[in-house]
Amino acid sequence: MRIPKAKPCPFCKSADVWVERYGLCCYGVVCNDCLSAGPRVEHGDYSDYDKDDGVKNGERDAIRLWNARTPESHHRVLVSCEMRAASEL
C-alpha cells in the first residue's frame, strides 16, 4: 500500500504540509504555514514498516487521519488501523 497524498491545510488552505515524527513511533501531519497539527497516530511496532512494501505505517495513517477532517471519520480510520494491526499479530 502506498502513502496517500496529504490534503491542504483545512485552516489556511496551504499545501505545504508534512508528516512530523514524535518519538519512536508516533506521527502527525503539520502545516508549515499556520503550524496547525493533525491528530497523532502511534504504532507499537518500532520498525513501523509494512513488511510487504516498505511503506511507513505511521506516516500513512497520520495522513489518512489528516485527510479525514471530522472526528467521526477519525474514528473510522482508527478502527480500521487497529483491525489491520491486530491481524498482523
N, C-alpha and C. Protein backbone atom coordinates (compact mmCIF):
# COMPACT_ATOMS: atom_id res chain seq x y z
N MET A 1 0.85 -1.18 0.00
CA MET A 1 0.00 0.00 0.00
C MET A 1 0.89 1.23 0.00
N ARG A 2 0.55 2.18 -0.84
CA ARG A 2 1.37 3.39 -0.93
C ARG A 2 0.92 4.44 0.06
N ILE A 3 1.77 5.44 0.27
CA ILE A 3 1.43 6.54 1.17
C ILE A 3 0.53 7.52 0.41
N PRO A 4 -0.64 7.87 0.96
CA PRO A 4 -1.54 8.81 0.27
C PRO A 4 -0.98 10.23 0.28
N LYS A 5 -1.50 11.06 -0.60
CA LYS A 5 -1.11 12.47 -0.64
C LYS A 5 -1.94 13.22 0.38
N ALA A 6 -1.29 14.06 1.17
CA ALA A 6 -1.99 14.84 2.19
C ALA A 6 -2.76 15.99 1.53
N LYS A 7 -3.98 16.21 2.01
CA LYS A 7 -4.79 17.33 1.54
C LYS A 7 -4.21 18.63 2.09
N PRO A 8 -4.54 19.77 1.47
CA PRO A 8 -4.10 21.07 2.01
C PRO A 8 -4.67 21.30 3.41
N CYS A 9 -4.05 22.22 4.12
CA CYS A 9 -4.48 22.56 5.48
C CYS A 9 -5.93 23.05 5.46
N PRO A 10 -6.78 22.54 6.36
CA PRO A 10 -8.18 22.98 6.37
C PRO A 10 -8.37 24.40 6.91
N PHE A 11 -7.35 24.95 7.55
CA PHE A 11 -7.46 26.28 8.16
C PHE A 11 -6.95 27.39 7.24
N CYS A 12 -5.72 27.21 6.71
CA CYS A 12 -5.14 28.27 5.88
C CYS A 12 -5.09 27.89 4.40
N LYS A 13 -5.49 26.66 4.07
CA LYS A 13 -5.54 26.16 2.69
C LYS A 13 -4.16 25.97 2.04
N SER A 14 -3.11 26.01 2.84
CA SER A 14 -1.76 25.82 2.31
C SER A 14 -1.53 24.35 1.98
N ALA A 15 -0.83 24.10 0.89
CA ALA A 15 -0.48 22.73 0.50
C ALA A 15 0.87 22.33 1.09
N ASP A 16 1.50 23.24 1.84
CA ASP A 16 2.81 22.99 2.43
C ASP A 16 2.65 22.27 3.77
N VAL A 17 2.33 20.97 3.70
CA VAL A 17 2.15 20.15 4.90
C VAL A 17 3.12 18.98 4.85
N TRP A 18 3.47 18.46 6.01
CA TRP A 18 4.42 17.35 6.08
C TRP A 18 4.12 16.50 7.31
N VAL A 19 4.72 15.32 7.34
CA VAL A 19 4.50 14.39 8.45
C VAL A 19 5.63 14.55 9.46
N GLU A 20 5.25 14.90 10.69
CA GLU A 20 6.20 15.04 11.81
C GLU A 20 6.26 13.72 12.56
N ARG A 21 7.46 13.33 12.95
CA ARG A 21 7.62 12.13 13.76
C ARG A 21 7.88 12.57 15.20
N TYR A 22 7.05 12.07 16.13
CA TYR A 22 7.18 12.39 17.55
C TYR A 22 7.66 11.14 18.26
N GLY A 23 8.89 11.12 18.70
CA GLY A 23 9.41 9.94 19.39
C GLY A 23 9.68 8.80 18.42
N LEU A 24 9.58 7.57 18.94
CA LEU A 24 9.93 6.41 18.13
C LEU A 24 8.86 6.01 17.13
N CYS A 25 7.59 6.11 17.52
CA CYS A 25 6.57 5.53 16.65
C CYS A 25 5.27 6.32 16.64
N CYS A 26 5.34 7.63 16.78
CA CYS A 26 4.16 8.48 16.79
C CYS A 26 4.30 9.52 15.68
N TYR A 27 3.25 9.67 14.87
CA TYR A 27 3.30 10.56 13.71
C TYR A 27 2.08 11.47 13.68
N GLY A 28 2.24 12.63 13.05
CA GLY A 28 1.13 13.54 12.83
C GLY A 28 1.49 14.50 11.71
N VAL A 29 0.49 14.99 10.99
CA VAL A 29 0.70 15.94 9.89
C VAL A 29 0.70 17.35 10.46
N VAL A 30 1.61 18.20 9.97
CA VAL A 30 1.75 19.58 10.43
C VAL A 30 1.76 20.50 9.21
N CYS A 31 1.09 21.65 9.33
CA CYS A 31 1.11 22.67 8.28
C CYS A 31 2.29 23.60 8.52
N ASN A 32 3.10 23.82 7.52
CA ASN A 32 4.26 24.70 7.65
C ASN A 32 3.89 26.18 7.71
N ASP A 33 2.72 26.54 7.20
CA ASP A 33 2.34 27.95 7.18
C ASP A 33 1.69 28.41 8.48
N CYS A 34 0.64 27.72 8.93
CA CYS A 34 -0.06 28.17 10.14
C CYS A 34 0.28 27.30 11.36
N LEU A 35 1.08 26.26 11.17
CA LEU A 35 1.56 25.37 12.23
C LEU A 35 0.44 24.56 12.91
N SER A 36 -0.71 24.45 12.25
CA SER A 36 -1.74 23.58 12.81
C SER A 36 -1.29 22.13 12.65
N ALA A 37 -1.69 21.31 13.60
CA ALA A 37 -1.27 19.90 13.60
C ALA A 37 -2.49 19.00 13.61
N GLY A 38 -2.39 17.93 12.86
CA GLY A 38 -3.46 16.95 12.82
C GLY A 38 -3.36 15.97 13.97
N PRO A 39 -4.29 15.04 14.05
CA PRO A 39 -4.25 14.04 15.12
C PRO A 39 -3.01 13.16 14.99
N ARG A 40 -2.52 12.72 16.12
CA ARG A 40 -1.34 11.86 16.14
C ARG A 40 -1.77 10.40 16.14
N VAL A 41 -0.97 9.59 15.47
CA VAL A 41 -1.20 8.15 15.45
C VAL A 41 0.07 7.48 15.95
N GLU A 42 -0.12 6.47 16.78
CA GLU A 42 1.03 5.76 17.35
C GLU A 42 0.95 4.29 16.97
N HIS A 43 2.09 3.77 16.52
CA HIS A 43 2.20 2.35 16.20
C HIS A 43 3.14 1.71 17.20
N GLY A 44 2.77 0.56 17.72
CA GLY A 44 3.58 -0.12 18.72
C GLY A 44 4.81 -0.80 18.15
N ASP A 45 4.82 -1.03 16.85
CA ASP A 45 5.95 -1.70 16.21
C ASP A 45 7.01 -0.65 15.88
N TYR A 46 8.16 -0.73 16.50
CA TYR A 46 9.19 0.29 16.30
C TYR A 46 9.77 0.28 14.90
N SER A 47 9.71 -0.86 14.22
CA SER A 47 10.20 -0.88 12.85
C SER A 47 9.28 -0.05 11.96
N ASP A 48 7.95 -0.08 12.27
CA ASP A 48 6.95 0.79 11.66
C ASP A 48 6.83 0.65 10.15
N TYR A 49 7.33 -0.42 9.56
CA TYR A 49 7.22 -0.61 8.12
C TYR A 49 6.30 -1.76 7.81
N ASP A 50 5.50 -1.59 6.78
CA ASP A 50 4.70 -2.68 6.28
C ASP A 50 5.67 -3.68 5.65
N LYS A 51 5.61 -4.90 6.08
CA LYS A 51 6.58 -5.89 5.63
C LYS A 51 6.49 -6.20 4.14
N ASP A 52 5.33 -5.95 3.53
CA ASP A 52 5.17 -6.29 2.12
C ASP A 52 5.81 -5.27 1.17
N ASP A 53 5.65 -3.98 1.47
CA ASP A 53 6.13 -2.99 0.50
C ASP A 53 7.01 -1.90 1.09
N GLY A 54 7.35 -1.97 2.37
CA GLY A 54 8.27 -0.99 2.96
C GLY A 54 7.66 0.36 3.25
N VAL A 55 6.35 0.50 3.18
CA VAL A 55 5.68 1.78 3.46
C VAL A 55 5.63 1.99 4.97
N LYS A 56 5.90 3.21 5.40
CA LYS A 56 5.80 3.51 6.83
C LYS A 56 4.33 3.59 7.23
N ASN A 57 3.91 2.67 8.08
CA ASN A 57 2.51 2.62 8.52
C ASN A 57 2.10 3.88 9.26
N GLY A 58 2.97 4.40 10.12
CA GLY A 58 2.63 5.59 10.90
C GLY A 58 2.40 6.80 10.03
N GLU A 59 3.26 7.01 9.03
CA GLU A 59 3.08 8.14 8.12
C GLU A 59 1.78 8.00 7.34
N ARG A 60 1.53 6.82 6.83
CA ARG A 60 0.32 6.58 6.04
C ARG A 60 -0.93 6.84 6.88
N ASP A 61 -0.97 6.34 8.12
CA ASP A 61 -2.14 6.50 8.96
C ASP A 61 -2.31 7.94 9.43
N ALA A 62 -1.21 8.66 9.68
CA ALA A 62 -1.30 10.08 10.05
C ALA A 62 -1.91 10.90 8.91
N ILE A 63 -1.52 10.60 7.69
CA ILE A 63 -2.08 11.31 6.53
C ILE A 63 -3.54 10.95 6.35
N ARG A 64 -3.89 9.69 6.56
CA ARG A 64 -5.30 9.29 6.46
C ARG A 64 -6.15 10.03 7.48
N LEU A 65 -5.65 10.20 8.71
CA LEU A 65 -6.40 10.95 9.73
C LEU A 65 -6.50 12.43 9.36
N TRP A 66 -5.41 13.00 8.87
CA TRP A 66 -5.41 14.41 8.44
C TRP A 66 -6.44 14.62 7.33
N ASN A 67 -6.49 13.71 6.40
CA ASN A 67 -7.40 13.83 5.27
C ASN A 67 -8.86 13.57 5.66
N ALA A 68 -9.10 12.86 6.76
CA ALA A 68 -10.46 12.51 7.16
C ALA A 68 -11.27 13.73 7.58
N ARG A 69 -10.67 14.70 8.24
CA ARG A 69 -11.24 16.01 8.57
C ARG A 69 -12.28 16.06 9.67
N THR A 70 -13.00 15.01 9.99
CA THR A 70 -14.03 15.07 11.03
C THR A 70 -13.76 14.02 12.10
N PRO A 71 -14.17 14.26 13.34
CA PRO A 71 -13.96 13.27 14.41
C PRO A 71 -14.60 11.91 14.09
N GLU A 72 -15.76 11.92 13.43
CA GLU A 72 -16.40 10.66 13.07
C GLU A 72 -15.54 9.88 12.09
N SER A 73 -14.97 10.59 11.13
CA SER A 73 -14.10 9.94 10.15
C SER A 73 -12.82 9.46 10.82
N HIS A 74 -12.31 10.24 11.77
CA HIS A 74 -11.10 9.82 12.50
C HIS A 74 -11.36 8.49 13.20
N HIS A 75 -12.55 8.35 13.80
CA HIS A 75 -12.88 7.11 14.49
C HIS A 75 -12.86 5.93 13.51
N ARG A 76 -13.45 6.10 12.34
CA ARG A 76 -13.46 5.02 11.34
C ARG A 76 -12.05 4.65 10.91
N VAL A 77 -11.19 5.65 10.70
CA VAL A 77 -9.81 5.38 10.29
C VAL A 77 -9.07 4.65 11.40
N LEU A 78 -9.23 5.09 12.65
CA LEU A 78 -8.54 4.44 13.76
C LEU A 78 -8.98 3.00 13.94
N VAL A 79 -10.28 2.74 13.82
CA VAL A 79 -10.79 1.37 13.93
C VAL A 79 -10.19 0.51 12.83
N SER A 80 -10.12 1.04 11.62
CA SER A 80 -9.53 0.30 10.51
C SER A 80 -8.05 0.03 10.76
N CYS A 81 -7.32 1.00 11.32
CA CYS A 81 -5.89 0.81 11.63
C CYS A 81 -5.72 -0.25 12.71
N GLU A 82 -6.58 -0.20 13.73
CA GLU A 82 -6.49 -1.18 14.81
C GLU A 82 -6.78 -2.59 14.31
N MET A 83 -7.77 -2.71 13.42
CA MET A 83 -8.11 -4.01 12.87
C MET A 83 -6.95 -4.57 12.07
N ARG A 84 -6.29 -3.71 11.27
CA ARG A 84 -5.15 -4.15 10.48
C ARG A 84 -4.00 -4.56 11.39
N ALA A 85 -3.74 -3.76 12.44
CA ALA A 85 -2.64 -4.06 13.36
C ALA A 85 -2.90 -5.37 14.09
N ALA A 86 -4.14 -5.61 14.49
CA ALA A 86 -4.48 -6.85 15.19
C ALA A 86 -4.29 -8.05 14.29
N SER A 87 -4.55 -7.89 12.99
CA SER A 87 -4.40 -9.01 12.08
C SER A 87 -2.93 -9.32 11.81
N GLU A 88 -2.03 -8.36 12.10
CA GLU A 88 -0.60 -8.56 11.88
C GLU A 88 0.07 -9.28 13.04
N LEU A 89 -0.65 -9.42 14.18
CA LEU A 89 -0.05 -10.05 15.36
C LEU A 89 0.08 -11.54 15.19
